[in-house]
Amino acid sequence: MAMVECTWGRAVTALIRGESQSDEVKAKLRQAALPHLVLAARWSNLAGDAALLVSCIGYFLEVSGPFLHSAATREKNFGPATRIMQEFISATSHGTSRETMSDADWTLIVNTYLTILAVHKDRQDWVQGLQCCNEACEIIP
């Protein structure tokens, strides 16, 4: 199921055609792909497939990258980013080995946390931002 959802998310973003589409259509396609990537992360966690989970996180960052330029568009990524990180936290607390992760994998985790922290900063929600920092410090080596 994880592979199916990840492929579905990738297929939706494959419909983006560059200059021939409006920015609104591109944004809607990217937004439509995010729930599939969240589900892929969920199924990866349930299957105990850490490599696929990290792959979902990487693809999430790739898809959501264009949303990171303003507070309004970062807000759209907040829910999916937090759900994906919850899956990662759950996976690491249920036996997924952190030692097998590469530096590139950890860079993806850090960048996802930075996405979440940017929204807390935009909201001026310093308490939640601090909790997010504490959570990240417990997970990231």
N, C-alpha and C. Protein backbone atom coordinates (compact mmCIF):
# COMPACT_ATOMS: atom_id res chain seq x y z
N MET A 1 0.82 -1.19 0.00
CA MET A 1 0.00 0.00 0.00
C MET A 1 0.86 1.26 0.00
N ALA A 2 1.98 1.20 0.71
CA ALA A 2 2.85 2.37 0.77
C ALA A 2 3.37 2.74 -0.61
N MET A 3 3.80 1.72 -1.34
CA MET A 3 4.32 1.96 -2.69
C MET A 3 3.24 2.53 -3.60
N VAL A 4 2.02 2.04 -3.46
CA VAL A 4 0.91 2.51 -4.28
C VAL A 4 0.63 3.99 -3.99
N GLU A 5 0.55 4.35 -2.71
CA GLU A 5 0.27 5.74 -2.37
C GLU A 5 1.41 6.67 -2.81
N CYS A 6 2.64 6.22 -2.63
CA CYS A 6 3.77 7.05 -3.06
C CYS A 6 3.76 7.22 -4.58
N THR A 7 3.48 6.15 -5.28
CA THR A 7 3.40 6.22 -6.74
C THR A 7 2.26 7.13 -7.18
N TRP A 8 1.14 7.05 -6.49
CA TRP A 8 0.00 7.90 -6.80
C TRP A 8 0.37 9.37 -6.61
N GLY A 9 1.02 9.68 -5.51
CA GLY A 9 1.48 11.06 -5.29
C GLY A 9 2.43 11.53 -6.37
N ARG A 10 3.34 10.65 -6.76
CA ARG A 10 4.28 10.99 -7.83
C ARG A 10 3.57 11.16 -9.16
N ALA A 11 2.55 10.33 -9.42
CA ALA A 11 1.80 10.42 -10.67
C ALA A 11 1.04 11.75 -10.76
N VAL A 12 0.50 12.19 -9.64
CA VAL A 12 -0.21 13.48 -9.64
C VAL A 12 0.76 14.60 -9.97
N THR A 13 1.93 14.59 -9.37
CA THR A 13 2.90 15.67 -9.65
C THR A 13 3.48 15.55 -11.05
N ALA A 14 3.45 14.37 -11.64
CA ALA A 14 3.93 14.21 -13.01
C ALA A 14 3.03 14.95 -14.00
N LEU A 15 1.84 15.32 -13.57
CA LEU A 15 0.93 16.07 -14.42
C LEU A 15 1.32 17.55 -14.54
N ILE A 16 2.26 17.99 -13.72
CA ILE A 16 2.73 19.37 -13.78
C ILE A 16 3.56 19.54 -15.05
N ARG A 17 3.21 20.54 -15.86
CA ARG A 17 3.81 20.69 -17.19
C ARG A 17 4.63 21.97 -17.36
N GLY A 18 5.16 22.51 -16.31
CA GLY A 18 6.06 23.65 -16.44
C GLY A 18 5.36 24.91 -16.88
N GLU A 19 5.92 25.57 -17.88
CA GLU A 19 5.44 26.88 -18.33
C GLU A 19 4.05 26.86 -18.95
N SER A 20 3.61 25.71 -19.44
CA SER A 20 2.33 25.66 -20.14
C SER A 20 1.13 25.65 -19.19
N GLN A 21 1.38 25.55 -17.88
CA GLN A 21 0.28 25.56 -16.90
C GLN A 21 0.38 26.80 -16.02
N SER A 22 -0.76 27.22 -15.53
CA SER A 22 -0.77 28.35 -14.61
C SER A 22 -0.21 27.91 -13.26
N ASP A 23 0.26 28.88 -12.50
CA ASP A 23 0.79 28.58 -11.17
C ASP A 23 -0.30 27.99 -10.28
N GLU A 24 -1.54 28.43 -10.49
CA GLU A 24 -2.65 27.92 -9.69
C GLU A 24 -2.86 26.42 -9.92
N VAL A 25 -2.80 26.00 -11.18
CA VAL A 25 -2.97 24.58 -11.50
C VAL A 25 -1.82 23.77 -10.91
N LYS A 26 -0.61 24.28 -11.03
CA LYS A 26 0.55 23.58 -10.46
C LYS A 26 0.40 23.42 -8.96
N ALA A 27 -0.04 24.49 -8.29
CA ALA A 27 -0.21 24.44 -6.84
C ALA A 27 -1.28 23.43 -6.45
N LYS A 28 -2.37 23.38 -7.21
CA LYS A 28 -3.44 22.43 -6.90
C LYS A 28 -2.96 20.99 -7.09
N LEU A 29 -2.16 20.75 -8.10
CA LEU A 29 -1.63 19.41 -8.32
C LEU A 29 -0.68 19.02 -7.19
N ARG A 30 0.17 19.94 -6.80
CA ARG A 30 1.09 19.65 -5.68
C ARG A 30 0.30 19.38 -4.41
N GLN A 31 -0.70 20.21 -4.15
CA GLN A 31 -1.52 20.04 -2.96
C GLN A 31 -2.26 18.70 -2.99
N ALA A 32 -2.71 18.29 -4.17
CA ALA A 32 -3.41 17.01 -4.30
C ALA A 32 -2.48 15.81 -4.05
N ALA A 33 -1.20 15.98 -4.28
CA ALA A 33 -0.25 14.89 -4.08
C ALA A 33 0.09 14.68 -2.61
N LEU A 34 0.01 15.73 -1.80
CA LEU A 34 0.46 15.64 -0.41
C LEU A 34 -0.27 14.58 0.42
N PRO A 35 -1.60 14.47 0.35
CA PRO A 35 -2.25 13.42 1.15
C PRO A 35 -1.79 12.00 0.80
N HIS A 36 -1.44 11.79 -0.44
CA HIS A 36 -0.96 10.46 -0.85
C HIS A 36 0.42 10.19 -0.24
N LEU A 37 1.24 11.22 -0.16
CA LEU A 37 2.56 11.04 0.44
C LEU A 37 2.45 10.82 1.94
N VAL A 38 1.49 11.48 2.58
CA VAL A 38 1.26 11.25 4.01
C VAL A 38 0.80 9.81 4.23
N LEU A 39 -0.12 9.35 3.40
CA LEU A 39 -0.58 7.95 3.52
C LEU A 39 0.56 6.97 3.23
N ALA A 40 1.39 7.29 2.27
CA ALA A 40 2.54 6.43 1.98
C ALA A 40 3.46 6.34 3.19
N ALA A 41 3.67 7.47 3.85
CA ALA A 41 4.50 7.47 5.06
C ALA A 41 3.85 6.61 6.15
N ARG A 42 2.54 6.72 6.28
CA ARG A 42 1.80 5.93 7.28
C ARG A 42 1.96 4.43 7.00
N TRP A 43 1.72 4.03 5.76
CA TRP A 43 1.83 2.62 5.41
C TRP A 43 3.27 2.13 5.52
N SER A 44 4.23 2.98 5.19
CA SER A 44 5.65 2.61 5.33
C SER A 44 5.98 2.33 6.79
N ASN A 45 5.47 3.18 7.67
CA ASN A 45 5.68 3.00 9.09
C ASN A 45 5.06 1.68 9.55
N LEU A 46 3.82 1.44 9.17
CA LEU A 46 3.14 0.21 9.58
C LEU A 46 3.84 -1.04 9.05
N ALA A 47 4.44 -0.92 7.87
CA ALA A 47 5.16 -2.05 7.28
C ALA A 47 6.57 -2.19 7.83
N GLY A 48 7.02 -1.20 8.58
CA GLY A 48 8.38 -1.23 9.11
C GLY A 48 9.44 -0.98 8.05
N ASP A 49 9.07 -0.29 6.99
CA ASP A 49 10.00 -0.02 5.88
C ASP A 49 10.58 1.39 6.02
N ALA A 50 11.68 1.48 6.75
CA ALA A 50 12.30 2.78 7.01
C ALA A 50 12.79 3.46 5.74
N ALA A 51 13.31 2.69 4.81
CA ALA A 51 13.83 3.27 3.57
C ALA A 51 12.71 3.93 2.77
N LEU A 52 11.56 3.28 2.70
CA LEU A 52 10.44 3.87 1.98
C LEU A 52 9.89 5.08 2.72
N LEU A 53 9.88 5.03 4.04
CA LEU A 53 9.43 6.17 4.83
C LEU A 53 10.31 7.39 4.57
N VAL A 54 11.60 7.21 4.58
CA VAL A 54 12.52 8.32 4.30
C VAL A 54 12.35 8.79 2.86
N SER A 55 12.11 7.87 1.94
CA SER A 55 11.86 8.25 0.55
C SER A 55 10.60 9.12 0.44
N CYS A 56 9.56 8.77 1.18
CA CYS A 56 8.33 9.57 1.20
C CYS A 56 8.61 10.98 1.73
N ILE A 57 9.43 11.06 2.76
CA ILE A 57 9.78 12.36 3.33
C ILE A 57 10.54 13.19 2.29
N GLY A 58 11.47 12.57 1.59
CA GLY A 58 12.23 13.28 0.56
C GLY A 58 11.33 13.77 -0.56
N TYR A 59 10.43 12.93 -0.98
CA TYR A 59 9.54 13.34 -2.06
C TYR A 59 8.56 14.41 -1.58
N PHE A 60 8.12 14.31 -0.33
CA PHE A 60 7.27 15.36 0.24
C PHE A 60 7.98 16.71 0.16
N LEU A 61 9.25 16.75 0.54
CA LEU A 61 10.00 18.01 0.49
C LEU A 61 10.15 18.52 -0.94
N GLU A 62 10.34 17.60 -1.87
CA GLU A 62 10.47 17.99 -3.28
C GLU A 62 9.16 18.60 -3.79
N VAL A 63 8.05 17.96 -3.46
CA VAL A 63 6.74 18.42 -3.91
C VAL A 63 6.36 19.74 -3.25
N SER A 64 6.66 19.86 -1.97
CA SER A 64 6.22 21.04 -1.22
C SER A 64 7.17 22.22 -1.34
N GLY A 65 8.33 22.03 -1.92
CA GLY A 65 9.31 23.11 -2.03
C GLY A 65 8.78 24.43 -2.54
N PRO A 66 8.00 24.44 -3.62
CA PRO A 66 7.47 25.72 -4.11
C PRO A 66 6.50 26.41 -3.15
N PHE A 67 5.99 25.68 -2.15
CA PHE A 67 5.08 26.28 -1.18
C PHE A 67 5.81 27.04 -0.07
N LEU A 68 7.11 26.97 -0.02
CA LEU A 68 7.83 27.48 1.14
C LEU A 68 8.21 28.96 1.04
N HIS A 69 7.77 29.65 0.00
CA HIS A 69 8.20 31.02 -0.20
C HIS A 69 7.36 32.06 0.53
N SER A 70 6.22 31.68 1.08
CA SER A 70 5.41 32.66 1.83
C SER A 70 4.71 31.98 2.99
N ALA A 71 4.31 32.79 3.97
CA ALA A 71 3.64 32.25 5.15
C ALA A 71 2.35 31.54 4.78
N ALA A 72 1.59 32.11 3.85
CA ALA A 72 0.31 31.51 3.46
C ALA A 72 0.49 30.15 2.83
N THR A 73 1.49 30.00 1.99
CA THR A 73 1.70 28.71 1.34
C THR A 73 2.41 27.73 2.26
N ARG A 74 3.26 28.21 3.17
CA ARG A 74 3.88 27.31 4.16
C ARG A 74 2.81 26.68 5.04
N GLU A 75 1.78 27.46 5.35
CA GLU A 75 0.69 26.97 6.19
C GLU A 75 0.02 25.74 5.56
N LYS A 76 -0.06 25.71 4.24
CA LYS A 76 -0.66 24.56 3.54
C LYS A 76 0.13 23.28 3.76
N ASN A 77 1.42 23.41 4.01
CA ASN A 77 2.28 22.24 4.22
C ASN A 77 2.33 21.78 5.66
N PHE A 78 1.84 22.61 6.56
CA PHE A 78 2.01 22.33 7.98
C PHE A 78 1.40 21.00 8.40
N GLY A 79 0.14 20.78 8.05
CA GLY A 79 -0.53 19.53 8.43
C GLY A 79 0.17 18.31 7.88
N PRO A 80 0.40 18.26 6.56
CA PRO A 80 1.11 17.09 6.02
C PRO A 80 2.51 16.90 6.61
N ALA A 81 3.24 18.00 6.81
CA ALA A 81 4.60 17.88 7.36
C ALA A 81 4.57 17.32 8.77
N THR A 82 3.64 17.79 9.60
CA THR A 82 3.58 17.28 10.97
C THR A 82 3.14 15.81 11.00
N ARG A 83 2.22 15.43 10.11
CA ARG A 83 1.79 14.03 10.08
C ARG A 83 2.91 13.11 9.61
N ILE A 84 3.68 13.55 8.64
CA ILE A 84 4.81 12.74 8.18
C ILE A 84 5.85 12.60 9.28
N MET A 85 6.12 13.69 10.01
CA MET A 85 7.08 13.60 11.10
C MET A 85 6.56 12.71 12.22
N GLN A 86 5.26 12.72 12.47
CA GLN A 86 4.69 11.82 13.48
C GLN A 86 4.92 10.37 13.09
N GLU A 87 4.80 10.08 11.82
CA GLU A 87 5.07 8.71 11.35
C GLU A 87 6.53 8.35 11.55
N PHE A 88 7.42 9.29 11.28
CA PHE A 88 8.85 9.03 11.47
C PHE A 88 9.15 8.80 12.94
N ILE A 89 8.58 9.63 13.81
CA ILE A 89 8.80 9.48 15.25
C ILE A 89 8.28 8.13 15.71
N SER A 90 7.09 7.77 15.23
CA SER A 90 6.52 6.48 15.59
C SER A 90 7.42 5.33 15.12
N ALA A 91 7.93 5.45 13.93
CA ALA A 91 8.80 4.39 13.38
C ALA A 91 10.07 4.24 14.21
N THR A 92 10.67 5.36 14.60
CA THR A 92 11.91 5.27 15.37
C THR A 92 11.65 4.79 16.80
N SER A 93 10.46 5.04 17.31
CA SER A 93 10.16 4.56 18.66
C SER A 93 9.75 3.10 18.68
N HIS A 94 9.42 2.55 17.50
CA HIS A 94 9.01 1.14 17.42
C HIS A 94 10.06 0.27 16.75
N GLY A 95 11.31 0.66 16.85
CA GLY A 95 12.35 -0.25 16.42
C GLY A 95 13.08 0.09 15.14
N THR A 96 12.63 1.09 14.37
CA THR A 96 13.38 1.46 13.18
C THR A 96 14.73 1.99 13.62
N SER A 97 15.77 1.43 13.10
CA SER A 97 17.12 1.78 13.53
C SER A 97 17.56 3.11 12.95
N ARG A 98 17.90 4.01 13.83
CA ARG A 98 18.42 5.31 13.39
C ARG A 98 19.86 5.19 12.90
N GLU A 99 20.56 4.18 13.36
CA GLU A 99 21.97 4.02 13.00
C GLU A 99 22.17 3.72 11.52
N THR A 100 21.16 3.14 10.87
CA THR A 100 21.30 2.78 9.46
C THR A 100 21.01 3.97 8.54
N MET A 101 20.57 5.07 9.09
CA MET A 101 20.24 6.23 8.25
C MET A 101 21.49 6.99 7.87
N SER A 102 21.52 7.45 6.63
CA SER A 102 22.67 8.21 6.12
C SER A 102 22.53 9.68 6.48
N ASP A 103 23.60 10.42 6.26
CA ASP A 103 23.55 11.87 6.48
C ASP A 103 22.50 12.53 5.60
N ALA A 104 22.34 12.02 4.39
CA ALA A 104 21.32 12.57 3.48
C ALA A 104 19.92 12.36 4.05
N ASP A 105 19.70 11.20 4.66
CA ASP A 105 18.40 10.93 5.29
C ASP A 105 18.14 11.92 6.43
N TRP A 106 19.15 12.15 7.23
CA TRP A 106 18.99 13.08 8.36
C TRP A 106 18.78 14.51 7.86
N THR A 107 19.38 14.83 6.73
CA THR A 107 19.15 16.16 6.15
C THR A 107 17.69 16.34 5.79
N LEU A 108 17.05 15.30 5.28
CA LEU A 108 15.62 15.36 4.96
C LEU A 108 14.80 15.59 6.23
N ILE A 109 15.16 14.90 7.30
CA ILE A 109 14.44 15.04 8.56
C ILE A 109 14.59 16.47 9.09
N VAL A 110 15.81 16.99 9.06
CA VAL A 110 16.06 18.35 9.52
C VAL A 110 15.26 19.35 8.68
N ASN A 111 15.26 19.19 7.37
CA ASN A 111 14.53 20.12 6.50
C ASN A 111 13.02 20.06 6.74
N THR A 112 12.51 18.89 7.07
CA THR A 112 11.09 18.78 7.39
C THR A 112 10.79 19.52 8.70
N TYR A 113 11.66 19.35 9.68
CA TYR A 113 11.48 20.11 10.93
C TYR A 113 11.58 21.62 10.68
N LEU A 114 12.48 22.03 9.81
CA LEU A 114 12.60 23.46 9.50
C LEU A 114 11.33 24.00 8.85
N THR A 115 10.68 23.18 8.04
CA THR A 115 9.40 23.56 7.44
C THR A 115 8.35 23.78 8.52
N ILE A 116 8.29 22.87 9.47
CA ILE A 116 7.33 22.97 10.57
C ILE A 116 7.65 24.19 11.44
N LEU A 117 8.91 24.38 11.74
CA LEU A 117 9.31 25.52 12.58
C LEU A 117 9.03 26.86 11.91
N ALA A 118 9.14 26.92 10.59
CA ALA A 118 8.84 28.16 9.87
C ALA A 118 7.39 28.56 10.07
N VAL A 119 6.49 27.59 10.10
CA VAL A 119 5.07 27.89 10.32
C VAL A 119 4.85 28.37 11.75
N HIS A 120 5.51 27.74 12.72
CA HIS A 120 5.39 28.22 14.10
C HIS A 120 5.89 29.66 14.22
N LYS A 121 6.97 29.96 13.50
CA LYS A 121 7.49 31.33 13.50
C LYS A 121 6.48 32.28 12.86
N ASP A 122 5.90 31.89 11.73
CA ASP A 122 4.89 32.72 11.06
C ASP A 122 3.72 33.00 11.98
N ARG A 123 3.32 32.00 12.74
CA ARG A 123 2.19 32.13 13.66
C ARG A 123 2.57 32.84 14.95
N GLN A 124 3.87 33.02 15.15
CA GLN A 124 4.44 33.54 16.40
C GLN A 124 4.01 32.67 17.57
N ASP A 125 3.99 31.40 17.33
CA ASP A 125 3.64 30.40 18.34
C ASP A 125 4.94 29.83 18.90
N TRP A 126 5.53 30.57 19.81
CA TRP A 126 6.85 30.24 20.32
C TRP A 126 6.84 29.00 21.21
N VAL A 127 5.75 28.76 21.91
CA VAL A 127 5.66 27.59 22.77
C VAL A 127 5.69 26.31 21.93
N GLN A 128 4.84 26.25 20.90
CA GLN A 128 4.84 25.08 20.02
C GLN A 128 6.17 24.96 19.26
N GLY A 129 6.75 26.09 18.89
CA GLY A 129 8.05 26.07 18.22
C GLY A 129 9.12 25.47 19.11
N LEU A 130 9.10 25.84 20.39
CA LEU A 130 10.07 25.29 21.33
C LEU A 130 9.84 23.80 21.54
N GLN A 131 8.58 23.38 21.63
CA GLN A 131 8.29 21.95 21.75
C GLN A 131 8.79 21.19 20.53
N CYS A 132 8.63 21.79 19.36
CA CYS A 132 9.10 21.15 18.12
C CYS A 132 10.63 21.04 18.14
N CYS A 133 11.30 22.08 18.61
CA CYS A 133 12.77 22.04 18.72
C CYS A 133 13.21 20.94 19.69
N ASN A 134 12.53 20.83 20.82
CA ASN A 134 12.87 19.79 21.79
C ASN A 134 12.66 18.40 21.21
N GLU A 135 11.57 18.23 20.48
CA GLU A 135 11.28 16.95 19.82
C GLU A 135 12.38 16.62 18.81
N ALA A 136 12.77 17.61 18.03
CA ALA A 136 13.82 17.40 17.02
C ALA A 136 15.14 17.02 17.68
N CYS A 137 15.45 17.67 18.80
CA CYS A 137 16.72 17.38 19.50
C CYS A 137 16.73 15.96 20.06
N GLU A 138 15.58 15.41 20.40
CA GLU A 138 15.51 14.04 20.90
C GLU A 138 15.71 13.03 19.77
N ILE A 139 15.36 13.41 18.56
CA ILE A 139 15.39 12.46 17.44
C ILE A 139 16.66 12.55 16.61
N ILE A 140 17.08 13.77 16.31
CA ILE A 140 18.22 13.97 15.40
C ILE A 140 19.51 13.78 16.16
N PRO A 141 20.41 12.93 15.63
CA PRO A 141 21.68 12.68 16.34
C PRO A 141 22.61 13.88 16.32
